[in-house]
Structure formats: C-alpha cells, structure tokens
Amino acid sequence: ELEAQLKTKVFDRNGTKIKLTRAGELLLARTEQIFE
C-alpha cells in the first residue's frame, strides 16, 4: 500500500532476501527525520 501510494518500489525482492531501492534509501532517511 505504501509503494502504491508513493508510486514507486521501496524494496527490491530476490527470493527471501530484500534490499532498499534508491527510493527506499531516501524514504528511510526522511522517515527517521520525521520520527525525530
């Protein structure tokens, strides 16, 4: 739902492994600022 709302993927999925996309890295940095 978050990815649909943002219209972009925030995680790349490879089987059971996931990693942040570039958009995900940006969202993580901004999310931590928001929570702070």
PDB file of all heavy atoms in Angstrom:
ATOM      1  N   GLU A   1       0.833  -1.205   0.000  1.00  0.00           N
ATOM      2  CA  GLU A   1       0.000   0.000   0.000  1.00  0.00           C
ATOM      3  C   GLU A   1       0.869   1.257   0.000  1.00  0.00           C
ATOM      4  O   GLU A   1       0.546   2.253  -0.662  1.00  0.00           O
ATOM      5  CB  GLU A   1      -0.927  -0.013   1.220  1.00  0.00           C
ATOM      6  CG  GLU A   1      -2.033  -1.058   1.118  1.00  0.00           C
ATOM      7  CD  GLU A   1      -2.842  -1.156   2.402  1.00  0.00           C
ATOM      8  OE1 GLU A   1      -2.386  -0.612   3.443  1.00  0.00           O
ATOM      9  OE2 GLU A   1      -3.916  -1.790   2.393  1.00  0.00           O
ATOM     10  N   LEU A   2       1.976   1.210   0.732  1.00  0.00           N
ATOM     11  CA  LEU A   2       2.892   2.353   0.753  1.00  0.00           C
ATOM     12  C   LEU A   2       3.501   2.571  -0.622  1.00  0.00           C
ATOM     13  O   LEU A   2       3.582   3.711  -1.113  1.00  0.00           O
ATOM     14  CB  LEU A   2       3.986   2.124   1.795  1.00  0.00           C
ATOM     15  CG  LEU A   2       5.040   3.222   1.935  1.00  0.00           C
ATOM     16  CD1 LEU A   2       4.409   4.517   2.434  1.00  0.00           C
ATOM     17  CD2 LEU A   2       6.153   2.784   2.889  1.00  0.00           C
ATOM     18  N   GLU A   3       3.937   1.497  -1.267  1.00  0.00           N
ATOM     19  CA  GLU A   3       4.532   1.609  -2.596  1.00  0.00           C
ATOM     20  C   GLU A   3       3.510   2.116  -3.613  1.00  0.00           C
ATOM     21  O   GLU A   3       3.844   2.908  -4.505  1.00  0.00           O
ATOM     22  CB  GLU A   3       5.105   0.266  -3.025  1.00  0.00           C
ATOM     23  CG  GLU A   3       6.352  -0.134  -2.235  1.00  0.00           C
ATOM     24  CD  GLU A   3       6.914  -1.485  -2.629  1.00  0.00           C
ATOM     25  OE1 GLU A   3       6.106  -2.378  -3.010  1.00  0.00           O
ATOM     26  OE2 GLU A   3       8.140  -1.676  -2.555  1.00  0.00           O
ATOM     27  N   ALA A   4       2.248   1.683  -3.457  1.00  0.00           N
ATOM     28  CA  ALA A   4       1.197   2.168  -4.351  1.00  0.00           C
ATOM     29  C   ALA A   4       0.935   3.654  -4.129  1.00  0.00           C
ATOM     30  O   ALA A   4       0.758   4.427  -5.080  1.00  0.00           O
ATOM     31  CB  ALA A   4      -0.086   1.360  -4.126  1.00  0.00           C
ATOM     32  N   GLN A   5       0.962   4.056  -2.868  1.00  0.00           N
ATOM     33  CA  GLN A   5       0.721   5.459  -2.540  1.00  0.00           C
ATOM     34  C   GLN A   5       1.840   6.346  -3.064  1.00  0.00           C
ATOM     35  O   GLN A   5       1.605   7.451  -3.548  1.00  0.00           O
ATOM     36  CB  GLN A   5       0.585   5.609  -1.029  1.00  0.00           C
ATOM     37  CG  GLN A   5       0.156   6.982  -0.557  1.00  0.00           C
ATOM     38  CD  GLN A   5      -0.165   7.009   0.924  1.00  0.00           C
ATOM     39  OE1 GLN A   5      -0.104   5.999   1.607  1.00  0.00           O
ATOM     40  NE2 GLN A   5      -0.521   8.172   1.433  1.00  0.00           N
ATOM     41  N   LEU A   6       3.092   5.855  -2.965  1.00  0.00           N
ATOM     42  CA  LEU A   6       4.258   6.627  -3.414  1.00  0.00           C
ATOM     43  C   LEU A   6       4.546   6.444  -4.897  1.00  0.00           C
ATOM     44  O   LEU A   6       5.403   7.124  -5.456  1.00  0.00           O
ATOM     45  CB  LEU A   6       5.492   6.237  -2.599  1.00  0.00           C
ATOM     46  CG  LEU A   6       5.431   6.518  -1.098  1.00  0.00           C
ATOM     47  CD1 LEU A   6       6.674   5.976  -0.406  1.00  0.00           C
ATOM     48  CD2 LEU A   6       5.282   8.009  -0.820  1.00  0.00           C
ATOM     49  N   LYS A   7       3.869   5.450  -5.492  1.00  0.00           N
ATOM     50  CA  LYS A   7       4.053   5.135  -6.912  1.00  0.00           C
ATOM     51  C   LYS A   7       5.497   4.761  -7.245  1.00  0.00           C
ATOM     52  O   LYS A   7       6.037   5.116  -8.293  1.00  0.00           O
ATOM     53  CB  LYS A   7       3.592   6.303  -7.798  1.00  0.00           C
ATOM     54  CG  LYS A   7       2.111   6.635  -7.673  1.00  0.00           C
ATOM     55  CD  LYS A   7       1.720   7.773  -8.606  1.00  0.00           C
ATOM     56  CE  LYS A   7       0.224   8.032  -8.564  1.00  0.00           C
ATOM     57  NZ  LYS A   7      -0.252   8.434  -7.228  1.00  0.00           N
ATOM     58  N   THR A   8       6.128   4.050  -6.319  1.00  0.00           N
ATOM     59  CA  THR A   8       7.496   3.564  -6.552  1.00  0.00           C
ATOM     60  C   THR A   8       7.789   2.407  -5.608  1.00  0.00           C
ATOM     61  O   THR A   8       7.162   2.285  -4.547  1.00  0.00           O
ATOM     62  CB  THR A   8       8.528   4.682  -6.333  1.00  0.00           C
ATOM     63  OG1 THR A   8       9.816   4.234  -6.746  1.00  0.00           O
ATOM     64  CG2 THR A   8       8.604   5.095  -4.867  1.00  0.00           C
ATOM     65  N   LYS A   9       8.734   1.569  -5.984  1.00  0.00           N
ATOM     66  CA  LYS A   9       9.145   0.460  -5.124  1.00  0.00           C
ATOM     67  C   LYS A   9      10.154   0.966  -4.092  1.00  0.00           C
ATOM     68  O   LYS A   9      11.054   1.752  -4.419  1.00  0.00           O
ATOM     69  CB  LYS A   9       9.783  -0.659  -5.948  1.00  0.00           C
ATOM     70  CG  LYS A   9       8.799  -1.418  -6.846  1.00  0.00           C
ATOM     71  CD  LYS A   9       9.527  -2.441  -7.698  1.00  0.00           C
ATOM     72  CE  LYS A   9      10.212  -3.488  -6.843  1.00  0.00           C
ATOM     73  NZ  LYS A   9      10.877  -4.540  -7.665  1.00  0.00           N
ATOM     74  N   VAL A  10      10.010   0.504  -2.866  1.00  0.00           N
ATOM     75  CA  VAL A  10      10.970   0.877  -1.823  1.00  0.00           C
ATOM     76  C   VAL A  10      11.878  -0.297  -1.450  1.00  0.00           C
ATOM     77  O   VAL A  10      12.895  -0.109  -0.777  1.00  0.00           O
ATOM     78  CB  VAL A  10      10.254   1.418  -0.572  1.00  0.00           C
ATOM     79  CG1 VAL A  10       9.549   2.727  -0.894  1.00  0.00           C
ATOM     80  CG2 VAL A  10       9.260   0.407  -0.004  1.00  0.00           C
ATOM     81  N   PHE A  11      11.506  -1.511  -1.868  1.00  0.00           N
ATOM     82  CA  PHE A  11      12.343  -2.685  -1.643  1.00  0.00           C
ATOM     83  C   PHE A  11      12.493  -3.468  -2.935  1.00  0.00           C
ATOM     84  O   PHE A  11      11.544  -3.581  -3.722  1.00  0.00           O
ATOM     85  CB  PHE A  11      11.729  -3.624  -0.584  1.00  0.00           C
ATOM     86  CG  PHE A  11      11.702  -3.061   0.809  1.00  0.00           C
ATOM     87  CD1 PHE A  11      10.509  -2.654   1.379  1.00  0.00           C
ATOM     88  CD2 PHE A  11      12.873  -2.942   1.552  1.00  0.00           C
ATOM     89  CE1 PHE A  11      10.475  -2.133   2.665  1.00  0.00           C
ATOM     90  CE2 PHE A  11      12.855  -2.423   2.831  1.00  0.00           C
ATOM     91  CZ  PHE A  11      11.644  -2.010   3.394  1.00  0.00           C
ATOM     92  N   ASP A  12      13.697  -3.989  -3.175  1.00  0.00           N
ATOM     93  CA  ASP A  12      13.922  -4.992  -4.217  1.00  0.00           C
ATOM     94  C   ASP A  12      13.880  -6.356  -3.558  1.00  0.00           C
ATOM     95  O   ASP A  12      14.530  -6.573  -2.531  1.00  0.00           O
ATOM     96  CB  ASP A  12      15.282  -4.790  -4.899  1.00  0.00           C
ATOM     97  CG  ASP A  12      15.230  -3.705  -5.954  1.00  0.00           C
ATOM     98  OD1 ASP A  12      14.157  -3.540  -6.565  1.00  0.00           O
ATOM     99  OD2 ASP A  12      16.257  -3.037  -6.169  1.00  0.00           O
ATOM    100  N   ARG A  13      13.131  -7.277  -4.121  1.00  0.00           N
ATOM    101  CA  ARG A  13      12.983  -8.603  -3.543  1.00  0.00           C
ATOM    102  C   ARG A  13      13.664  -9.626  -4.432  1.00  0.00           C
ATOM    103  O   ARG A  13      13.447  -9.654  -5.632  1.00  0.00           O
ATOM    104  CB  ARG A  13      11.500  -8.941  -3.367  1.00  0.00           C
ATOM    105  CG  ARG A  13      10.763  -7.978  -2.440  1.00  0.00           C
ATOM    106  CD  ARG A  13       9.252  -8.044  -2.652  1.00  0.00           C
ATOM    107  NE  ARG A  13       8.517  -7.159  -1.763  1.00  0.00           N
ATOM    108  CZ  ARG A  13       8.315  -5.870  -1.983  1.00  0.00           C
ATOM    109  NH1 ARG A  13       8.817  -5.309  -3.081  1.00  0.00           N
ATOM    110  NH2 ARG A  13       7.622  -5.148  -1.127  1.00  0.00           N
ATOM    111  N   ASN A  14      14.473 -10.470  -3.820  1.00  0.00           N
ATOM    112  CA  ASN A  14      15.161 -11.556  -4.533  1.00  0.00           C
ATOM    113  C   ASN A  14      15.013 -12.819  -3.708  1.00  0.00           C
ATOM    114  O   ASN A  14      15.841 -13.108  -2.841  1.00  0.00           O
ATOM    115  CB  ASN A  14      16.637 -11.213  -4.756  1.00  0.00           C
ATOM    116  CG  ASN A  14      17.368 -12.302  -5.536  1.00  0.00           C
ATOM    117  OD1 ASN A  14      16.746 -13.196  -6.099  1.00  0.00           O
ATOM    118  ND2 ASN A  14      18.698 -12.222  -5.556  1.00  0.00           N
ATOM    119  N   GLY A  15      13.933 -13.548  -3.948  1.00  0.00           N
ATOM    120  CA  GLY A  15      13.644 -14.720  -3.132  1.00  0.00           C
ATOM    121  C   GLY A  15      13.276 -14.279  -1.728  1.00  0.00           C
ATOM    122  O   GLY A  15      12.372 -13.474  -1.536  1.00  0.00           O
ATOM    123  N   THR A  16      14.020 -14.797  -0.745  1.00  0.00           N
ATOM    124  CA  THR A  16      13.744 -14.434   0.646  1.00  0.00           C
ATOM    125  C   THR A  16      14.514 -13.182   1.067  1.00  0.00           C
ATOM    126  O   THR A  16      14.298 -12.665   2.158  1.00  0.00           O
ATOM    127  CB  THR A  16      14.130 -15.598   1.584  1.00  0.00           C
ATOM    128  OG1 THR A  16      15.519 -15.898   1.406  1.00  0.00           O
ATOM    129  CG2 THR A  16      13.281 -16.826   1.287  1.00  0.00           C
ATOM    130  N   LYS A  17      15.409 -12.685   0.201  1.00  0.00           N
ATOM    131  CA  LYS A  17      16.227 -11.520   0.549  1.00  0.00           C
ATOM    132  C   LYS A  17      15.604 -10.249  -0.008  1.00  0.00           C
ATOM    133  O   LYS A  17      15.034 -10.235  -1.098  1.00  0.00           O
ATOM    134  CB  LYS A  17      17.650 -11.685   0.012  1.00  0.00           C
ATOM    135  CG  LYS A  17      18.410 -12.857   0.633  1.00  0.00           C
ATOM    136  CD  LYS A  17      19.827 -12.937   0.099  1.00  0.00           C
ATOM    137  CE  LYS A  17      20.602 -14.071   0.748  1.00  0.00           C
ATOM    138  NZ  LYS A  17      21.998 -14.157   0.233  1.00  0.00           N
ATOM    139  N   ILE A  18      15.723  -9.177   0.759  1.00  0.00           N
ATOM    140  CA  ILE A  18      15.255  -7.878   0.296  1.00  0.00           C
ATOM    141  C   ILE A  18      16.337  -6.833   0.535  1.00  0.00           C
ATOM    142  O   ILE A  18      17.202  -7.007   1.397  1.00  0.00           O
ATOM    143  CB  ILE A  18      13.953  -7.445   1.009  1.00  0.00           C
ATOM    144  CG1 ILE A  18      14.186  -7.271   2.512  1.00  0.00           C
ATOM    145  CG2 ILE A  18      12.823  -8.413   0.735  1.00  0.00           C
ATOM    146  CD1 ILE A  18      13.014  -6.634   3.233  1.00  0.00           C
ATOM    147  N   LYS A  19      16.292  -5.789  -0.254  1.00  0.00           N
ATOM    148  CA  LYS A  19      17.191  -4.657  -0.037  1.00  0.00           C
ATOM    149  C   LYS A  19      16.469  -3.386  -0.439  1.00  0.00           C
ATOM    150  O   LYS A  19      15.494  -3.420  -1.214  1.00  0.00           O
ATOM    151  CB  LYS A  19      18.503  -4.815  -0.810  1.00  0.00           C
ATOM    152  CG  LYS A  19      18.363  -4.751  -2.310  1.00  0.00           C
ATOM    153  CD  LYS A  19      19.740  -4.837  -2.978  1.00  0.00           C
ATOM    154  CE  LYS A  19      19.623  -4.684  -4.497  1.00  0.00           C
ATOM    155  NZ  LYS A  19      20.957  -4.720  -5.155  1.00  0.00           N
ATOM    156  N   LEU A  20      16.932  -2.282   0.086  1.00  0.00           N
ATOM    157  CA  LEU A  20      16.317  -0.993  -0.220  1.00  0.00           C
ATOM    158  C   LEU A  20      16.643  -0.553  -1.643  1.00  0.00           C
ATOM    159  O   LEU A  20      17.772  -0.712  -2.117  1.00  0.00           O
ATOM    160  CB  LEU A  20      16.807   0.068   0.762  1.00  0.00           C
ATOM    161  CG  LEU A  20      16.288  -0.016   2.197  1.00  0.00           C
ATOM    162  CD1 LEU A  20      17.144   0.862   3.107  1.00  0.00           C
ATOM    163  CD2 LEU A  20      14.836   0.418   2.267  1.00  0.00           C
ATOM    164  N   THR A  21      15.650  -0.005  -2.324  1.00  0.00           N
ATOM    165  CA  THR A  21      15.902   0.672  -3.585  1.00  0.00           C
ATOM    166  C   THR A  21      16.451   2.072  -3.265  1.00  0.00           C
ATOM    167  O   THR A  21      16.522   2.488  -2.102  1.00  0.00           O
ATOM    168  CB  THR A  21      14.606   0.818  -4.393  1.00  0.00           C
ATOM    169  OG1 THR A  21      13.686   1.632  -3.646  1.00  0.00           O
ATOM    170  CG2 THR A  21      13.966  -0.548  -4.650  1.00  0.00           C
ATOM    171  N   ARG A  22      16.811   2.809  -4.292  1.00  0.00           N
ATOM    172  CA  ARG A  22      17.276   4.180  -4.052  1.00  0.00           C
ATOM    173  C   ARG A  22      16.156   5.019  -3.435  1.00  0.00           C
ATOM    174  O   ARG A  22      16.399   5.846  -2.548  1.00  0.00           O
ATOM    175  CB  ARG A  22      17.754   4.813  -5.361  1.00  0.00           C
ATOM    176  CG  ARG A  22      19.053   4.207  -5.887  1.00  0.00           C
ATOM    177  CD  ARG A  22      19.544   4.946  -7.105  1.00  0.00           C
ATOM    178  NE  ARG A  22      19.916   6.323  -6.779  1.00  0.00           N
ATOM    179  CZ  ARG A  22      20.333   7.212  -7.688  1.00  0.00           C
ATOM    180  NH1 ARG A  22      20.419   6.851  -8.971  1.00  0.00           N
ATOM    181  NH2 ARG A  22      20.660   8.430  -7.338  1.00  0.00           N
ATOM    182  N   ALA A  23      14.932   4.773  -3.906  1.00  0.00           N
ATOM    183  CA  ALA A  23      13.790   5.470  -3.308  1.00  0.00           C
ATOM    184  C   ALA A  23      13.609   5.053  -1.860  1.00  0.00           C
ATOM    185  O   ALA A  23      13.269   5.876  -0.998  1.00  0.00           O
ATOM    186  CB  ALA A  23      12.517   5.176  -4.114  1.00  0.00           C
ATOM    187  N   GLY A  24      13.845   3.770  -1.579  1.00  0.00           N
ATOM    188  CA  GLY A  24      13.737   3.279  -0.214  1.00  0.00           C
ATOM    189  C   GLY A  24      14.772   3.895   0.709  1.00  0.00           C
ATOM    190  O   GLY A  24      14.485   4.211   1.866  1.00  0.00           O
ATOM    191  N   GLU A  25      16.001   4.063   0.193  1.00  0.00           N
ATOM    192  CA  GLU A  25      17.046   4.701   1.000  1.00  0.00           C
ATOM    193  C   GLU A  25      16.683   6.141   1.331  1.00  0.00           C
ATOM    194  O   GLU A  25      16.892   6.611   2.457  1.00  0.00           O
ATOM    195  CB  GLU A  25      18.381   4.652   0.245  1.00  0.00           C
ATOM    196  CG  GLU A  25      18.949   3.233   0.105  1.00  0.00           C
ATOM    197  CD  GLU A  25      20.169   3.192  -0.791  1.00  0.00           C
ATOM    198  OE1 GLU A  25      20.469   4.232  -1.428  1.00  0.00           O
ATOM    199  OE2 GLU A  25      20.814   2.128  -0.871  1.00  0.00           O
ATOM    200  N   LEU A  26      16.129   6.851   0.348  1.00  0.00           N
ATOM    201  CA  LEU A  26      15.686   8.223   0.581  1.00  0.00           C
ATOM    202  C   LEU A  26      14.545   8.263   1.595  1.00  0.00           C
ATOM    203  O   LEU A  26      14.544   9.085   2.528  1.00  0.00           O
ATOM    204  CB  LEU A  26      15.232   8.858  -0.737  1.00  0.00           C
ATOM    205  CG  LEU A  26      14.596  10.255  -0.639  1.00  0.00           C
ATOM    206  CD1 LEU A  26      15.581  11.254  -0.063  1.00  0.00           C
ATOM    207  CD2 LEU A  26      14.118  10.708  -2.014  1.00  0.00           C
ATOM    208  N   LEU A  27      13.590   7.336   1.427  1.00  0.00           N
ATOM    209  CA  LEU A  27      12.449   7.297   2.344  1.00  0.00           C
ATOM    210  C   LEU A  27      12.905   6.966   3.759  1.00  0.00           C
ATOM    211  O   LEU A  27      12.387   7.547   4.731  1.00  0.00           O
ATOM    212  CB  LEU A  27      11.430   6.252   1.871  1.00  0.00           C
ATOM    213  CG  LEU A  27      10.171   6.122   2.721  1.00  0.00           C
ATOM    214  CD1 LEU A  27       9.402   7.440   2.758  1.00  0.00           C
ATOM    215  CD2 LEU A  27       9.281   4.996   2.203  1.00  0.00           C
ATOM    216  N   LEU A  28      13.882   6.069   3.915  1.00  0.00           N
ATOM    217  CA  LEU A  28      14.378   5.734   5.247  1.00  0.00           C
ATOM    218  C   LEU A  28      14.989   6.960   5.918  1.00  0.00           C
ATOM    219  O   LEU A  28      14.721   7.236   7.096  1.00  0.00           O
ATOM    220  CB  LEU A  28      15.414   4.606   5.157  1.00  0.00           C
ATOM    221  CG  LEU A  28      16.080   4.211   6.482  1.00  0.00           C
ATOM    222  CD1 LEU A  28      15.046   3.754   7.500  1.00  0.00           C
ATOM    223  CD2 LEU A  28      17.142   3.134   6.250  1.00  0.00           C
ATOM    224  N   ALA A  29      15.797   7.696   5.191  1.00  0.00           N
ATOM    225  CA  ALA A  29      16.435   8.897   5.763  1.00  0.00           C
ATOM    226  C   ALA A  29      15.383   9.921   6.185  1.00  0.00           C
ATOM    227  O   ALA A  29      15.453  10.493   7.282  1.00  0.00           O
ATOM    228  CB  ALA A  29      17.400   9.509   4.750  1.00  0.00           C
ATOM    229  N   ARG A  30      14.392  10.143   5.340  1.00  0.00           N
ATOM    230  CA  ARG A  30      13.353  11.118   5.648  1.00  0.00           C
ATOM    231  C   ARG A  30      12.443  10.622   6.781  1.00  0.00           C
ATOM    232  O   ARG A  30      11.991  11.418   7.612  1.00  0.00           O
ATOM    233  CB  ARG A  30      12.515  11.423   4.400  1.00  0.00           C
ATOM    234  CG  ARG A  30      13.275  12.113   3.288  1.00  0.00           C
ATOM    235  CD  ARG A  30      13.910  13.405   3.769  1.00  0.00           C
ATOM    236  NE  ARG A  30      14.476  14.184   2.658  1.00  0.00           N
ATOM    237  CZ  ARG A  30      15.320  15.178   2.801  1.00  0.00           C
ATOM    238  NH1 ARG A  30      15.720  15.530   4.023  1.00  0.00           N
ATOM    239  NH2 ARG A  30      15.771  15.828   1.760  1.00  0.00           N
ATOM    240  N   THR A  31      12.175   9.324   6.796  1.00  0.00           N
ATOM    241  CA  THR A  31      11.331   8.759   7.853  1.00  0.00           C
ATOM    242  C   THR A  31      11.976   8.951   9.213  1.00  0.00           C
ATOM    243  O   THR A  31      11.305   9.310  10.195  1.00  0.00           O
ATOM    244  CB  THR A  31      11.074   7.262   7.593  1.00  0.00           C
ATOM    245  OG1 THR A  31      10.364   7.108   6.363  1.00  0.00           O
ATOM    246  CG2 THR A  31      10.242   6.643   8.707  1.00  0.00           C
ATOM    247  N   GLU A  32      13.280   8.731   9.301  1.00  0.00           N
ATOM    248  CA  GLU A  32      13.970   8.917  10.577  1.00  0.00           C
ATOM    249  C   GLU A  32      13.927  10.386  11.004  1.00  0.00           C
ATOM    250  O   GLU A  32      13.808  10.695  12.196  1.00  0.00           O
ATOM    251  CB  GLU A  32      15.407   8.407  10.469  1.00  0.00           C
ATOM    252  CG  GLU A  32      15.448   6.891  10.316  1.00  0.00           C
ATOM    253  CD  GLU A  32      16.850   6.317  10.377  1.00  0.00           C
ATOM    254  OE1 GLU A  32      17.797   7.042  10.009  1.00  0.00           O
ATOM    255  OE2 GLU A  32      16.988   5.149  10.769  1.00  0.00           O
ATOM    256  N   GLN A  33      14.007  11.307  10.036  1.00  0.00           N
ATOM    257  CA  GLN A  33      13.887  12.723  10.366  1.00  0.00           C
ATOM    258  C   GLN A  33      12.481  13.042  10.874  1.00  0.00           C
ATOM    259  O   GLN A  33      12.313  13.802  11.840  1.00  0.00           O
ATOM    260  CB  GLN A  33      14.201  13.573   9.138  1.00  0.00           C
ATOM    261  CG  GLN A  33      15.666  13.524   8.715  1.00  0.00           C
ATOM    262  CD  GLN A  33      15.909  14.271   7.421  1.00  0.00           C
ATOM    263  OE1 GLN A  33      14.972  14.675   6.730  1.00  0.00           O
ATOM    264  NE2 GLN A  33      17.169  14.458   7.074  1.00  0.00           N
ATOM    265  N   ILE A  34      11.469  12.460  10.244  1.00  0.00           N
ATOM    266  CA  ILE A  34      10.082  12.686  10.666  1.00  0.00           C
ATOM    267  C   ILE A  34       9.868  12.165  12.082  1.00  0.00           C
ATOM    268  O   ILE A  34       9.290  12.854  12.934  1.00  0.00           O
ATOM    269  CB  ILE A  34       9.106  11.995   9.688  1.00  0.00           C
ATOM    270  CG1 ILE A  34       9.110  12.716   8.333  1.00  0.00           C
ATOM    271  CG2 ILE A  34       7.693  11.955  10.261  1.00  0.00           C
ATOM    272  CD1 ILE A  34       8.393  11.963   7.240  1.00  0.00           C
ATOM    273  N   PHE A  35      10.335  10.949  12.356  1.00  0.00           N
ATOM    274  CA  PHE A  35      10.152  10.368  13.684  1.00  0.00           C
ATOM    275  C   PHE A  35      10.894  11.187  14.747  1.00  0.00           C
ATOM    276  O   PHE A  35      10.426  11.320  15.880  1.00  0.00           O
ATOM    277  CB  PHE A  35      10.632   8.922  13.705  1.00  0.00           C
ATOM    278  CG  PHE A  35       9.745   7.979  12.927  1.00  0.00           C
ATOM    279  CD1 PHE A  35      10.194   6.713  12.582  1.00  0.00           C
ATOM    280  CD2 PHE A  35       8.470   8.348  12.540  1.00  0.00           C
ATOM    281  CE1 PHE A  35       9.385   5.842  11.874  1.00  0.00           C
ATOM    282  CE2 PHE A  35       7.649   7.490  11.827  1.00  0.00           C
ATOM    283  CZ  PHE A  35       8.109   6.240  11.487  1.00  0.00           C
ATOM    284  N   GLU A  36      12.050  11.726  14.382  1.00  0.00           N
ATOM    285  CA  GLU A  36      12.803  12.551  15.325  1.00  0.00           C
ATOM    286  C   GLU A  36      12.023  13.823  15.648  1.00  0.00           C
ATOM    287  O   GLU A  36      11.974  14.270  16.800  1.00  0.00           O
ATOM    288  CB  GLU A  36      14.174  12.909  14.734  1.00  0.00           C
ATOM    289  CG  GLU A  36      15.026  13.789  15.620  1.00  0.00           C
ATOM    290  CD  GLU A  36      15.418  13.131  16.928  1.00  0.00           C
ATOM    291  OE1 GLU A  36      15.427  11.881  16.993  1.00  0.00           O
ATOM    292  OE2 GLU A  36      15.707  13.879  17.887  1.00  0.00           O
TER     293      GLU A  36
END
